Amino acid sequence: MNPRHSLVVLVVAAALLPGLAGRASAQGEIAGRVVVSDSGRPIVQGAEVSIRRLGKSALSDSSGRFRLKDVPPGQHVVVMRAIGFRAESSTVTIESDEVVSWDVVLTRATGTVLPERVVEGAGGRPPAKLVEFIERQKMGTGHFITRDQLAKAEGGVRQTGDVISLVPGVRVRRGGSKIWIASGRATGTGCAFCAMSSAALDKADLAAGARPACYMDVYLDGALVYDSSSPARGLFDVNTIPPEHISGIEVYTSAAQIPAKYNRTAGGCGVLLIWTR
């Protein structure tokens, strides 16, 4: 669990249901409460807690509590979002028949925050989270994949990783149906943030076919979901977000291109920003 996101974690063993004692693949749960970092309001109602690759999500109730049921064992990236607050993410590991509980602490966003669910259309105001995407696109630094381009890949024509693979300077790494995004930088001298050996990778990723590469940092709606300095915490499979769920994608393959707010590693292996609809 990433302490940077102020998650107070308590793992509690769940009681086995009758007849399930012999099942090695029993499902777990993720439950908890969403609170505010300042003292103005202790509870956040209507916050979305989701595991994108499983298609699971839940909204916090009037007491700030949420519950994600039937979560399979393994590592999962959980993203927490609420209007007026900064998005947060954390990697959660579920064992069989386990309930993982914590208090999710959200920090209020600065400035005016517009509702996220705004209808896209000609002449309409873009969602708040896409404002910086549009501003950077106008500057022309980096590579941008727009909604029009993504629409052509919908319906199973191409997956998200296939669309990103067309960007210059990008190298995709495949493992079955999974695609992980890396830069073309070699895993040799000078690549301080590369996953330079198989031992540095998560065992599940390695088993799926991942190999050493200069994997990019990945942000989903502004929340860090893959940290290139900690590859053992698990790579991010971009195919877990289908093209029809994405508004835009930004790709920065060099240190000179990366926006200052996302340049944590002085260049590293590049940055991938995915903005959902």
C-alpha atoms as a PDB file:
ATOM      1  CA  MET A   1       0.000   0.000   0.000  1.00  0.00           C
ATOM      2  CA  ASN A   2       1.363   3.406  -0.908  1.00  0.00           C
ATOM      3  CA  PRO A   3       1.743   5.643   2.187  1.00  0.00           C
ATOM      4  CA  ARG A   4       1.844   8.677  -0.096  1.00  0.00           C
ATOM      5  CA  HIS A   5      -1.910   8.448  -0.447  1.00  0.00           C
ATOM      6  CA  SER A   6      -2.538   8.504   3.294  1.00  0.00           C
ATOM      7  CA  LEU A   7      -4.312   5.166   3.367  1.00  0.00           C
ATOM      8  CA  VAL A   8      -4.754   3.761   6.854  1.00  0.00           C
ATOM      9  CA  VAL A   9      -4.875   0.027   6.210  1.00  0.00           C
ATOM     10  CA  LEU A  10      -6.305  -2.726   8.323  1.00  0.00           C
ATOM     11  CA  VAL A  11      -6.498  -6.248   6.909  1.00  0.00           C
ATOM     12  CA  VAL A  12      -9.196  -8.400   8.461  1.00  0.00           C
ATOM     13  CA  ALA A  13      -9.720 -12.079   7.719  1.00  0.00           C
ATOM     14  CA  ALA A  14     -13.285 -12.658   6.462  1.00  0.00           C
ATOM     15  CA  ALA A  15     -15.389 -15.526   7.788  1.00  0.00           C
ATOM     16  CA  LEU A  16     -15.643 -18.439   5.388  1.00  0.00           C
ATOM     17  CA  LEU A  17     -19.111 -19.010   4.001  1.00  0.00           C
ATOM     18  CA  PRO A  18     -20.610 -22.502   4.352  1.00  0.00           C
ATOM     19  CA  GLY A  19     -19.380 -24.840   1.643  1.00  0.00           C
ATOM     20  CA  LEU A  20     -16.551 -22.572   0.469  1.00  0.00           C
ATOM     21  CA  ALA A  21     -13.793 -23.722   2.806  1.00  0.00           C
ATOM     22  CA  GLY A  22     -12.171 -25.803   0.116  1.00  0.00           C
ATOM     23  CA  ARG A  23     -12.133 -23.168  -2.577  1.00  0.00           C
ATOM     24  CA  ALA A  24      -8.597 -21.851  -3.212  1.00  0.00           C
ATOM     25  CA  SER A  25      -9.879 -19.047  -5.447  1.00  0.00           C
ATOM     26  CA  ALA A  26     -12.485 -17.610  -3.056  1.00  0.00           C
ATOM     27  CA  GLN A  27     -13.293 -13.945  -3.619  1.00  0.00           C
ATOM     28  CA  GLY A  28     -12.371 -11.117  -1.283  1.00  0.00           C
ATOM     29  CA  GLU A  29     -13.750  -7.660  -0.544  1.00  0.00           C
ATOM     30  CA  ILE A  30     -12.445  -4.122  -0.347  1.00  0.00           C
ATOM     31  CA  ALA A  31     -14.366  -1.927   2.081  1.00  0.00           C
ATOM     32  CA  GLY A  32     -13.830   1.276   3.983  1.00  0.00           C
ATOM     33  CA  ARG A  33     -14.684   4.928   4.439  1.00  0.00           C
ATOM     34  CA  VAL A  34     -13.858   8.090   2.468  1.00  0.00           C
ATOM     35  CA  VAL A  35     -12.828  11.103   4.548  1.00  0.00           C
ATOM     36  CA  VAL A  36     -11.456  14.595   3.899  1.00  0.00           C
ATOM     37  CA  SER A  37      -7.889  15.550   4.805  1.00  0.00           C
ATOM     38  CA  ASP A  38      -8.920  18.862   6.404  1.00  0.00           C
ATOM     39  CA  SER A  39     -11.343  19.339   9.298  1.00  0.00           C
ATOM     40  CA  GLY A  40     -14.061  21.072   7.294  1.00  0.00           C
ATOM     41  CA  ARG A  41     -16.050  17.961   6.449  1.00  0.00           C
ATOM     42  CA  PRO A  42     -15.065  14.539   7.773  1.00  0.00           C
ATOM     43  CA  ILE A  43     -17.009  12.413   5.303  1.00  0.00           C
ATOM     44  CA  VAL A  44     -17.206  12.338   1.479  1.00  0.00           C
ATOM     45  CA  GLN A  45     -20.496  11.111   0.007  1.00  0.00           C
ATOM     46  CA  GLY A  46     -20.716  10.034  -3.635  1.00  0.00           C
ATOM     47  CA  ALA A  47     -16.994   9.332  -4.069  1.00  0.00           C
ATOM     48  CA  GLU A  48     -16.250   6.690  -6.718  1.00  0.00           C
ATOM     49  CA  VAL A  49     -13.962   3.820  -5.767  1.00  0.00           C
ATOM     50  CA  SER A  50     -13.138   1.596  -8.745  1.00  0.00           C
ATOM     51  CA  ILE A  51     -10.981  -1.209 -10.121  1.00  0.00           C
ATOM     52  CA  ARG A  52     -10.985  -0.418 -13.816  1.00  0.00           C
ATOM     53  CA  ARG A  53      -9.620  -3.679 -15.163  1.00  0.00           C
ATOM     54  CA  LEU A  54     -12.360  -5.646 -13.374  1.00  0.00           C
ATOM     55  CA  GLY A  55     -15.118  -3.220 -14.311  1.00  0.00           C
ATOM     56  CA  LYS A  56     -16.012  -2.843 -10.623  1.00  0.00           C
ATOM     57  CA  SER A  57     -16.970   0.399  -8.916  1.00  0.00           C
ATOM     58  CA  ALA A  58     -18.864   1.636  -5.876  1.00  0.00           C
ATOM     59  CA  LEU A  59     -20.047   4.992  -4.553  1.00  0.00           C
ATOM     60  CA  SER A  60     -19.631   6.017  -0.939  1.00  0.00           C
ATOM     61  CA  ASP A  61     -22.905   6.420   0.972  1.00  0.00           C
ATOM     62  CA  SER A  62     -24.089   9.202   3.291  1.00  0.00           C
ATOM     63  CA  SER A  63     -21.700   7.959   5.992  1.00  0.00           C
ATOM     64  CA  GLY A  64     -18.783   7.860   3.527  1.00  0.00           C
ATOM     65  CA  ARG A  65     -18.660   4.066   3.456  1.00  0.00           C
ATOM     66  CA  PHE A  66     -18.137   1.907   0.366  1.00  0.00           C
ATOM     67  CA  ARG A  67     -17.746  -1.787  -0.447  1.00  0.00           C
ATOM     68  CA  LEU A  68     -16.372  -3.615  -3.494  1.00  0.00           C
ATOM     69  CA  LYS A  69     -17.486  -7.253  -3.431  1.00  0.00           C
ATOM     70  CA  ASP A  70     -16.276 -10.382  -5.239  1.00  0.00           C
ATOM     71  CA  VAL A  71     -12.729  -9.157  -5.829  1.00  0.00           C
ATOM     72  CA  PRO A  72     -10.457 -12.008  -7.012  1.00  0.00           C
ATOM     73  CA  PRO A  73      -7.145 -12.706  -5.242  1.00  0.00           C
ATOM     74  CA  GLY A  74      -4.119 -10.758  -6.470  1.00  0.00           C
ATOM     75  CA  GLN A  75      -2.923  -7.172  -6.844  1.00  0.00           C
ATOM     76  CA  HIS A  76      -5.405  -4.536  -7.976  1.00  0.00           C
ATOM     77  CA  VAL A  77      -5.059  -0.818  -8.721  1.00  0.00           C
ATOM     78  CA  VAL A  78      -7.873   0.996  -6.908  1.00  0.00           C
ATOM     79  CA  VAL A  79      -8.685   4.549  -8.030  1.00  0.00           C
ATOM     80  CA  MET A  80     -10.614   6.956  -5.777  1.00  0.00           C
ATOM     81  CA  ARG A  81     -12.279  10.056  -7.247  1.00  0.00           C
ATOM     82  CA  ALA A  82     -14.756  12.679  -6.076  1.00  0.00           C
ATOM     83  CA  ILE A  83     -15.808  16.003  -7.550  1.00  0.00           C
ATOM     84  CA  GLY A  84     -13.852  18.782  -5.869  1.00  0.00           C
ATOM     85  CA  PHE A  85     -11.019  16.491  -4.736  1.00  0.00           C
ATOM     86  CA  ARG A  86      -7.754  15.239  -6.187  1.00  0.00           C
ATOM     87  CA  ALA A  87      -7.893  11.691  -7.537  1.00  0.00           C
ATOM     88  CA  GLU A  88      -5.890   9.116  -5.593  1.00  0.00           C
ATOM     89  CA  SER A  89      -4.831   5.553  -6.334  1.00  0.00           C
ATOM     90  CA  SER A  90      -3.345   2.640  -4.461  1.00  0.00           C
ATOM     91  CA  THR A  91      -2.336  -0.949  -5.136  1.00  0.00           C
ATOM     92  CA  VAL A  92      -4.298  -3.406  -2.999  1.00  0.00           C
ATOM     93  CA  THR A  93      -3.371  -7.058  -2.539  1.00  0.00           C
ATOM     94  CA  ILE A  94      -6.237  -9.463  -1.900  1.00  0.00           C
ATOM     95  CA  GLU A  95      -5.776 -12.922  -0.436  1.00  0.00           C
ATOM     96  CA  SER A  96      -8.492 -15.589  -0.600  1.00  0.00           C
ATOM     97  CA  ASP A  97     -11.508 -14.884   1.640  1.00  0.00           C
ATOM     98  CA  GLU A  98     -10.101 -11.586   2.871  1.00  0.00           C
ATOM     99  CA  VAL A  99     -11.598  -8.183   3.527  1.00  0.00           C
ATOM    100  CA  VAL A 100      -9.194  -5.255   3.102  1.00  0.00           C
ATOM    101  CA  SER A 101     -10.432  -2.151   4.927  1.00  0.00           C
ATOM    102  CA  TRP A 102      -9.065   1.365   5.169  1.00  0.00           C
ATOM    103  CA  ASP A 103      -9.893   5.049   5.507  1.00  0.00           C
ATOM    104  CA  VAL A 104      -9.339   6.737   2.133  1.00  0.00           C
ATOM    105  CA  VAL A 105      -8.196  10.317   2.731  1.00  0.00           C
ATOM    106  CA  LEU A 106      -8.948  12.700  -0.149  1.00  0.00           C
ATOM    107  CA  THR A 107      -7.454  16.171  -0.516  1.00  0.00           C
ATOM    108  CA  ARG A 108      -9.513  19.066  -1.788  1.00  0.00           C
ATOM    109  CA  ALA A 109      -8.553  20.300  -5.254  1.00  0.00           C
ATOM    110  CA  THR A 110      -7.441  23.913  -5.548  1.00  0.00           C
ATOM    111  CA  GLY A 111      -9.354  26.362  -7.703  1.00  0.00           C
ATOM    112  CA  THR A 112     -12.770  25.902  -9.266  1.00  0.00           C
ATOM    113  CA  VAL A 113     -13.639  22.309 -10.122  1.00  0.00           C
ATOM    114  CA  LEU A 114     -16.353  21.621 -12.681  1.00  0.00           C
ATOM    115  CA  PRO A 115     -18.487  18.467 -12.679  1.00  0.00           C
ATOM    116  CA  GLU A 116     -16.748  15.637 -14.566  1.00  0.00           C
ATOM    117  CA  ARG A 117     -19.767  14.292 -16.414  1.00  0.00           C
ATOM    118  CA  VAL A 118     -20.226  16.991 -19.032  1.00  0.00           C
ATOM    119  CA  VAL A 119     -21.664  16.069 -22.433  1.00  0.00           C
ATOM    120  CA  GLU A 120     -19.017  16.394 -25.130  1.00  0.00           C
ATOM    121  CA  GLY A 121     -20.106  18.188 -28.266  1.00  0.00           C
ATOM    122  CA  ALA A 122     -19.354  20.987 -30.663  1.00  0.00           C
ATOM    123  CA  GLY A 123     -19.183  24.280 -28.829  1.00  0.00           C
ATOM    124  CA  GLY A 124     -19.669  22.615 -25.440  1.00  0.00           C
ATOM    125  CA  ARG A 125     -17.411  23.170 -22.460  1.00  0.00           C
ATOM    126  CA  PRO A 126     -14.969  20.247 -22.002  1.00  0.00           C
ATOM    127  CA  PRO A 127     -14.869  18.316 -18.710  1.00  0.00           C
ATOM    128  CA  ALA A 128     -12.638  19.955 -16.115  1.00  0.00           C
ATOM    129  CA  LYS A 129     -10.120  17.133 -16.181  1.00  0.00           C
ATOM    130  CA  LEU A 130      -9.586  17.637 -19.950  1.00  0.00           C
ATOM    131  CA  VAL A 131      -8.757  21.348 -19.738  1.00  0.00           C
ATOM    132  CA  GLU A 132      -5.033  20.752 -19.237  1.00  0.00           C
ATOM    133  CA  PHE A 133      -5.073  18.050 -21.954  1.00  0.00           C
ATOM    134  CA  ILE A 134      -6.457  20.596 -24.433  1.00  0.00           C
ATOM    135  CA  GLU A 135      -4.019  23.304 -23.325  1.00  0.00           C
ATOM    136  CA  ARG A 136      -0.998  21.035 -23.768  1.00  0.00           C
ATOM    137  CA  GLN A 137      -2.305  19.794 -27.102  1.00  0.00           C
ATOM    138  CA  LYS A 138      -2.386  23.395 -28.353  1.00  0.00           C
ATOM    139  CA  MET A 139       1.247  23.820 -27.290  1.00  0.00           C
ATOM    140  CA  GLY A 140       2.186  20.857 -29.470  1.00  0.00           C
ATOM    141  CA  THR A 141       4.616  19.263 -27.019  1.00  0.00           C
ATOM    142  CA  GLY A 142       4.313  15.501 -26.780  1.00  0.00           C
ATOM    143  CA  HIS A 143       1.971  13.164 -28.658  1.00  0.00           C
ATOM    144  CA  PHE A 144      -1.832  13.299 -28.304  1.00  0.00           C
ATOM    145  CA  ILE A 145      -4.465  10.680 -29.103  1.00  0.00           C
ATOM    146  CA  THR A 146      -7.886  12.293 -29.388  1.00  0.00           C
ATOM    147  CA  ARG A 147     -11.452  11.027 -28.953  1.00  0.00           C
ATOM    148  CA  ASP A 148     -11.885  10.942 -32.756  1.00  0.00           C
ATOM    149  CA  GLN A 149      -8.886   8.638 -33.113  1.00  0.00           C
ATOM    150  CA  LEU A 150     -10.048   6.417 -30.275  1.00  0.00           C
ATOM    151  CA  ALA A 151     -13.557   6.165 -31.764  1.00  0.00           C
ATOM    152  CA  LYS A 152     -12.086   4.454 -34.823  1.00  0.00           C
ATOM    153  CA  ALA A 153     -10.759   1.685 -32.569  1.00  0.00           C
ATOM    154  CA  GLU A 154     -14.049   0.994 -30.797  1.00  0.00           C
ATOM    155  CA  GLY A 155     -16.033  -2.196 -31.128  1.00  0.00           C
ATOM    156  CA  GLY A 156     -13.021  -4.477 -30.822  1.00  0.00           C
ATOM    157  CA  VAL A 157     -11.314  -3.158 -33.970  1.00  0.00           C
ATOM    158  CA  ARG A 158      -8.213  -2.331 -31.925  1.00  0.00           C
ATOM    159  CA  GLN A 159      -7.371  -2.271 -28.240  1.00  0.00           C
ATOM    160  CA  THR A 160      -5.978   0.729 -26.378  1.00  0.00           C
ATOM    161  CA  GLY A 161      -2.442  -0.653 -26.459  1.00  0.00           C
ATOM    162  CA  ASP A 162      -2.646  -1.038 -30.247  1.00  0.00           C
ATOM    163  CA  VAL A 163      -3.578   2.638 -30.601  1.00  0.00           C
ATOM    164  CA  ILE A 164      -0.734   3.787 -28.338  1.00  0.00           C
ATOM    165  CA  SER A 165       1.750   1.559 -30.197  1.00  0.00           C
ATOM    166  CA  LEU A 166       1.440   3.861 -33.228  1.00  0.00           C
ATOM    167  CA  VAL A 167       3.021   6.781 -31.338  1.00  0.00           C
ATOM    168  CA  PRO A 168       6.675   7.426 -32.352  1.00  0.00           C
ATOM    169  CA  GLY A 169       9.202   6.523 -29.669  1.00  0.00           C
ATOM    170  CA  VAL A 170       6.896   4.030 -27.954  1.00  0.00           C
ATOM    171  CA  ARG A 171       7.612   0.340 -27.557  1.00  0.00           C
ATOM    172  CA  VAL A 172       4.816  -1.925 -26.397  1.00  0.00           C
ATOM    173  CA  ARG A 173       5.499  -5.079 -24.415  1.00  0.00           C
ATOM    174  CA  ARG A 174       2.913  -7.822 -24.816  1.00  0.00           C
ATOM    175  CA  GLY A 175       1.885 -10.676 -22.573  1.00  0.00           C
ATOM    176  CA  GLY A 176      -1.146 -12.525 -23.914  1.00  0.00           C
ATOM    177  CA  SER A 177      -3.915  -9.917 -24.152  1.00  0.00           C
ATOM    178  CA  LYS A 178      -1.968  -7.503 -21.920  1.00  0.00           C
ATOM    179  CA  ILE A 179       0.018  -4.539 -23.197  1.00  0.00           C
ATOM    180  CA  TRP A 180       2.494  -2.530 -21.132  1.00  0.00           C
ATOM    181  CA  ILE A 181       3.950   0.725 -22.461  1.00  0.00           C
ATOM    182  CA  ALA A 182       7.698   1.413 -22.539  1.00  0.00           C
ATOM    183  CA  SER A 183       9.890   3.981 -24.212  1.00  0.00           C
ATOM    184  CA  GLY A 184      12.442   3.068 -26.849  1.00  0.00           C
ATOM    185  CA  ARG A 185      15.228   3.751 -24.364  1.00  0.00           C
ATOM    186  CA  ALA A 186      17.572   0.786 -23.891  1.00  0.00           C
ATOM    187  CA  THR A 187      17.784  -0.873 -20.480  1.00  0.00           C
ATOM    188  CA  GLY A 188      21.458  -0.154 -20.156  1.00  0.00           C
ATOM    189  CA  THR A 189      23.806   2.428 -18.715  1.00  0.00           C
ATOM    190  CA  GLY A 190      22.101   5.698 -17.854  1.00  0.00           C
ATOM    191  CA  CYS A 191      18.622   4.248 -17.513  1.00  0.00           C
ATOM    192  CA  ALA A 192      18.299   4.620 -13.745  1.00  0.00           C
ATOM    193  CA  PHE A 193      14.552   3.980 -13.674  1.00  0.00           C
ATOM    194  CA  CYS A 194      14.373   1.025 -16.048  1.00  0.00           C
ATOM    195  CA  ALA A 195      13.176  -2.378 -14.930  1.00  0.00           C
ATOM    196  CA  MET A 196      16.650  -3.680 -15.771  1.00  0.00           C
ATOM    197  CA  SER A 197      16.203  -7.295 -14.679  1.00  0.00           C
ATOM    198  CA  SER A 198      13.460  -9.876 -14.392  1.00  0.00           C
ATOM    199  CA  ALA A 199      13.972  -9.843 -10.617  1.00  0.00           C
ATOM    200  CA  ALA A 200      12.784  -6.205 -10.527  1.00  0.00           C
ATOM    201  CA  LEU A 201       9.369  -7.069 -11.979  1.00  0.00           C
ATOM    202  CA  ASP A 202       6.210  -8.238 -10.251  1.00  0.00           C
ATOM    203  CA  LYS A 203       5.972 -12.046 -10.327  1.00  0.00           C
ATOM    204  CA  ALA A 204       2.496 -11.978 -11.869  1.00  0.00           C
ATOM    205  CA  ASP A 205       3.693  -9.657 -14.662  1.00  0.00           C
ATOM    206  CA  LEU A 206       6.726 -11.844 -15.248  1.00  0.00           C
ATOM    207  CA  ALA A 207       4.532 -14.939 -15.493  1.00  0.00           C
ATOM    208  CA  ALA A 208       2.280 -13.106 -17.983  1.00  0.00           C
ATOM    209  CA  GLY A 209       5.249 -12.403 -20.252  1.00  0.00           C
ATOM    210  CA  ALA A 210       6.693  -9.067 -19.085  1.00  0.00           C
ATOM    211  CA  ARG A 211      10.418  -8.586 -19.660  1.00  0.00           C
ATOM    212  CA  PRO A 212      12.937  -5.876 -18.639  1.00  0.00           C
ATOM    213  CA  ALA A 213      12.218  -2.550 -20.359  1.00  0.00           C
ATOM    214  CA  CYS A 214      12.055   1.180 -19.741  1.00  0.00           C
ATOM    215  CA  TYR A 215       8.383   1.237 -18.708  1.00  0.00           C
ATOM    216  CA  MET A 216       6.688   4.632 -18.615  1.00  0.00           C
ATOM    217  CA  ASP A 217       4.988   6.166 -15.591  1.00  0.00           C
ATOM    218  CA  VAL A 218       1.222   5.837 -16.111  1.00  0.00           C
ATOM    219  CA  TYR A 219      -1.407   8.258 -14.789  1.00  0.00           C
ATOM    220  CA  LEU A 220      -5.146   7.565 -14.944  1.00  0.00           C
ATOM    221  CA  ASP A 221      -7.207  10.770 -14.621  1.00  0.00           C
ATOM    222  CA  GLY A 222      -4.243  12.378 -12.873  1.00  0.00           C
ATOM    223  CA  ALA A 223      -3.685   9.521 -10.389  1.00  0.00           C
ATOM    224  CA  LEU A 224      -0.401   7.595 -10.591  1.00  0.00           C
ATOM    225  CA  VAL A 225      -1.215   3.936 -11.345  1.00  0.00           C
ATOM    226  CA  TYR A 226       2.272   2.773 -12.367  1.00  0.00           C
ATOM    227  CA  ASP A 227       5.448   4.087 -10.782  1.00  0.00           C
ATOM    228  CA  SER A 228       8.530   3.327 -12.886  1.00  0.00           C
ATOM    229  CA  SER A 229      10.736   3.544  -9.798  1.00  0.00           C
ATOM    230  CA  SER A 230       8.826   0.602  -8.231  1.00  0.00           C
ATOM    231  CA  PRO A 231       8.222  -1.997 -10.985  1.00  0.00           C
ATOM    232  CA  ALA A 232       7.802  -4.756  -8.394  1.00  0.00           C
ATOM    233  CA  ARG A 233       4.446  -3.219  -7.431  1.00  0.00           C
ATOM    234  CA  GLY A 234       3.031  -4.252 -10.789  1.00  0.00           C
ATOM    235  CA  LEU A 235       2.899  -2.879 -14.329  1.00  0.00           C
ATOM    236  CA  PHE A 236      -0.260  -1.234 -15.700  1.00  0.00           C
ATOM    237  CA  ASP A 237      -2.025  -3.056 -18.515  1.00  0.00           C
ATOM    238  CA  VAL A 238      -3.427  -0.285 -20.727  1.00  0.00           C
ATOM    239  CA  ASN A 239      -5.841  -2.752 -22.333  1.00  0.00           C
ATOM    240  CA  THR A 240      -7.854  -2.744 -19.099  1.00  0.00           C
ATOM    241  CA  ILE A 241      -9.249   0.632 -20.276  1.00  0.00           C
ATOM    242  CA  PRO A 242     -11.072   0.129 -23.612  1.00  0.00           C
ATOM    243  CA  PRO A 243     -10.914   2.916 -26.247  1.00  0.00           C
ATOM    244  CA  GLU A 244     -14.635   3.692 -25.805  1.00  0.00           C
ATOM    245  CA  HIS A 245     -13.981   4.663 -22.157  1.00  0.00           C
ATOM    246  CA  ILE A 246     -11.184   7.132 -22.977  1.00  0.00           C
ATOM    247  CA  SER A 247     -11.438  10.821 -23.870  1.00  0.00           C
ATOM    248  CA  GLY A 248      -7.776  11.354 -24.659  1.00  0.00           C
ATOM    249  CA  ILE A 249      -4.233  10.080 -24.172  1.00  0.00           C
ATOM    250  CA  GLU A 250      -0.964  12.002 -23.808  1.00  0.00           C
ATOM    251  CA  VAL A 251       2.411  10.367 -24.446  1.00  0.00           C
ATOM    252  CA  TYR A 252       5.746  11.938 -23.474  1.00  0.00           C
ATOM    253  CA  THR A 253       8.791   9.934 -24.489  1.00  0.00           C
ATOM    254  CA  SER A 254      11.553  12.325 -23.394  1.00  0.00           C
ATOM    255  CA  ALA A 255      12.400  14.451 -20.351  1.00  0.00           C
ATOM    256  CA  ALA A 256      12.170  17.642 -22.393  1.00  0.00           C
ATOM    257  CA  GLN A 257       8.520  16.948 -23.227  1.00  0.00           C
ATOM    258  CA  ILE A 258       7.127  15.889 -19.824  1.00  0.00           C
ATOM    259  CA  PRO A 259       4.968  18.534 -18.057  1.00  0.00           C
ATOM    260  CA  ALA A 260       6.608  19.652 -14.814  1.00  0.00           C
ATOM    261  CA  LYS A 261       3.802  18.319 -12.582  1.00  0.00           C
ATOM    262  CA  TYR A 262       4.330  14.775 -13.917  1.00  0.00           C
ATOM    263  CA  ASN A 263       8.124  14.814 -14.218  1.00  0.00           C
ATOM    264  CA  ARG A 264       8.965  13.016 -10.960  1.00  0.00           C
ATOM    265  CA  THR A 265      12.064  11.193 -12.153  1.00  0.00           C
ATOM    266  CA  ALA A 266      13.847  13.870 -14.194  1.00  0.00           C
ATOM    267  CA  GLY A 267      12.853  12.131 -17.404  1.00  0.00           C
ATOM    268  CA  GLY A 268      13.116   8.487 -16.510  1.00  0.00           C
ATOM    269  CA  CYS A 269      11.311   6.375 -19.066  1.00  0.00           C
ATOM    270  CA  GLY A 270       8.644   8.852 -20.118  1.00  0.00           C
ATOM    271  CA  VAL A 271       5.042   9.453 -19.055  1.00  0.00           C
ATOM    272  CA  LEU A 272       1.669   8.193 -20.268  1.00  0.00           C
ATOM    273  CA  LEU A 273      -1.498  10.112 -19.271  1.00  0.00           C
ATOM    274  CA  ILE A 274      -4.911   8.511 -19.832  1.00  0.00           C
ATOM    275  CA  TRP A 275      -8.068  10.593 -19.414  1.00  0.00           C
ATOM    276  CA  THR A 276     -11.352   8.699 -19.165  1.00  0.00           C
ATOM    277  CA  ARG A 277     -14.788   9.866 -20.338  1.00  0.00           C
END
